[in-house]
Protein backbone atom coordinates (compact mmCIF):
# COMPACT_ATOMS: atom_id res chain seq x y z
CA MET A 1 49.87 -182.51 -7.71
CA ALA A 2 48.06 -180.27 -10.16
CA LYS A 3 49.95 -178.46 -12.90
CA MET A 4 48.10 -175.14 -12.53
CA LEU A 5 46.32 -173.23 -9.77
CA LYS A 6 43.35 -170.93 -10.24
CA ILE A 7 43.65 -168.13 -7.68
CA THR A 8 40.71 -165.82 -6.96
CA LEU A 9 40.77 -162.70 -4.78
CA THR A 10 37.74 -163.03 -2.47
CA LYS A 11 38.48 -160.41 0.20
CA SER A 12 39.85 -156.89 -0.07
CA PRO A 13 43.50 -156.30 0.86
CA ILE A 14 42.79 -152.68 1.89
CA ALA A 15 43.15 -153.30 5.64
CA CYS A 16 46.17 -155.60 5.27
CA ILE A 17 49.78 -154.68 5.88
CA PRO A 18 51.68 -153.31 2.84
CA LYS A 19 53.73 -156.49 2.42
CA GLN A 20 50.54 -158.55 1.99
CA ARG A 21 49.11 -156.01 -0.48
CA ALA A 22 52.33 -156.28 -2.48
CA THR A 23 52.03 -160.08 -2.52
CA VAL A 24 48.47 -159.87 -3.88
CA LYS A 25 49.67 -157.45 -6.56
CA ALA A 26 52.61 -159.74 -7.43
CA LEU A 27 50.15 -162.59 -7.97
CA GLY A 28 48.49 -160.39 -10.61
CA LEU A 29 45.29 -159.73 -8.69
CA ARG A 30 43.94 -156.18 -8.81
CA LYS A 31 40.15 -156.40 -8.43
CA MET A 32 37.77 -158.34 -6.24
CA HIS A 33 36.68 -161.70 -7.67
CA GLN A 34 39.38 -161.54 -10.33
CA SER A 35 40.99 -164.90 -11.13
CA VAL A 36 44.44 -165.74 -12.45
CA GLU A 37 46.19 -169.00 -13.25
CA HIS A 38 49.71 -169.74 -12.07
CA PRO A 39 51.89 -172.86 -12.21
CA ASP A 40 51.85 -175.01 -9.11
CA ASN A 41 55.35 -174.58 -7.68
CA LYS A 42 56.93 -173.74 -4.34
CA ALA A 43 57.20 -170.00 -5.04
CA THR A 44 53.51 -169.69 -5.89
CA ARG A 45 52.48 -171.85 -2.92
CA GLY A 46 54.56 -169.64 -0.60
CA MET A 47 52.88 -166.48 -1.87
CA ILE A 48 49.46 -168.08 -1.45
CA PHE A 49 50.33 -169.16 2.11
CA LYS A 50 51.12 -165.56 3.11
CA VAL A 51 47.73 -164.20 1.97
CA ASN A 52 45.51 -167.30 2.11
CA HIS A 53 42.91 -165.43 4.19
CA LEU A 54 42.19 -163.25 1.13
CA LEU A 55 42.17 -165.94 -1.58
CA THR A 56 40.32 -168.94 -2.89
CA VAL A 57 42.54 -171.51 -4.61
CA GLU A 58 41.48 -174.32 -6.96
CA GLU A 59 43.68 -176.95 -8.57
CA ILE A 60 43.24 -177.27 -12.31
């Protein structure tokens, strides 16, 4: 299992439900094609699972 995950916002959360928009914001993503790095743990994986249709995830 990788230590870090690189998460990139590839689709706009405009048409999503407010809970999904809040999850994207909690991940630290504000603009399209912006990338952030988070530790690979269960909390981060759960957040990614809820909005995986908007994200691209790479293991670092």
